Amino acid sequence: MIRRRSRRVRSLAPNYVILILLVVFSLGPLLVLLSNSLKSPGEVGRNPLGLPREGLAWRNYVEAWRQGDYAVTIRNSLIVSLSTIVGVCLISGLAAFALAKLNLPGADALTMYFLVGTSLPAQLFLVPLYFIWARLHLVDNLLGVIIIYWAVYSPFAAFLLRSYMVSIPSDFEDAARVDGASEWQVFSRIIVPLTWPGFLTAGLVVGLWAWNEFLFAVTFLHRPEVMTVTTSYYNFAGRYGRDWGLTSAAAIIMIFPVVALFLALQRRFIEGLTEGGLKT
């Protein structure tokens, strides 16, 4: 019995080594960032990778909150992220329902189009999109960025939700239609409750993307009162240098809501992705 356990431990040793290396690779930069956020500028320069030795500079967080105007940018990012989640779930949910349950002609081609759409780089249409948005007065407007996020993130969410809906037996929908339910009622009362894990997963992924997105935010939002949290970093860029302790504190403030949300919903997020992958 003891020999079997020792053999099993030895056989699993490479796996543990790889997992430990992955943990160090993933958490190492965050730990260095957290450590530097509690150092003075001079100590960051002298000891960028070690622990704070000259006291904890909690004032970096207070100054970072003020200088980064996080009271405004976090509010704007919450508005953008929540609006993106609601819009993408509605748009992609209806699209996935049509592709999976309504027997549309060319549904497979549309599904492939959504898959291709998730791989197109945003830089391809950034310049013409800016001129169109300028004429529509959607530059320096949170609604303009939200609409872009709806268009960019909906193909992925539709592809994910379709994988859930194709596995639902048609008997549920047929019984509802026999009872006189409309297609909207079938979708909202039958399909949505049965695919709720998929909507939760899609909403979480899309919300994280919208919170962390930088390219569209920095291109279409210029006025300080409409900037999002990712663009707050511009407030910490000096002409001849940068206070890296202050910048590190600003980064911790920016990523803290994302990390907290992911840790709170980690189990459901992984379950949702796993179920979606098994159902495709």
Foldseek 3Di string as FASTA:
>chain_A
DVVVVVVVCVVCVVVVVVVVVVCCVVCVVVVLLVQLLQEFLVVCVVPSRDHDDPGGNPVLLVVLCVLLVCVQQAVLLVVLLVLLLVLLLVVLLVLLCCLQPVPDPCSVVVLVVLVVLLVDDPVVCPVVLVVVCVVVVCFQHSVNVSVVLSVSLNSVLNNLLNLQQNPDDCVQVVVCVVVPDDPVCCSPPPSCVSLVLSSVLSSLVSSVCSLQDDPVQVVRHDDPNNHHLNVSLVSQDDPPDGRSSSSSSSVCVSCVVNVVVCVVCVVSNVVSVVVSVVSD
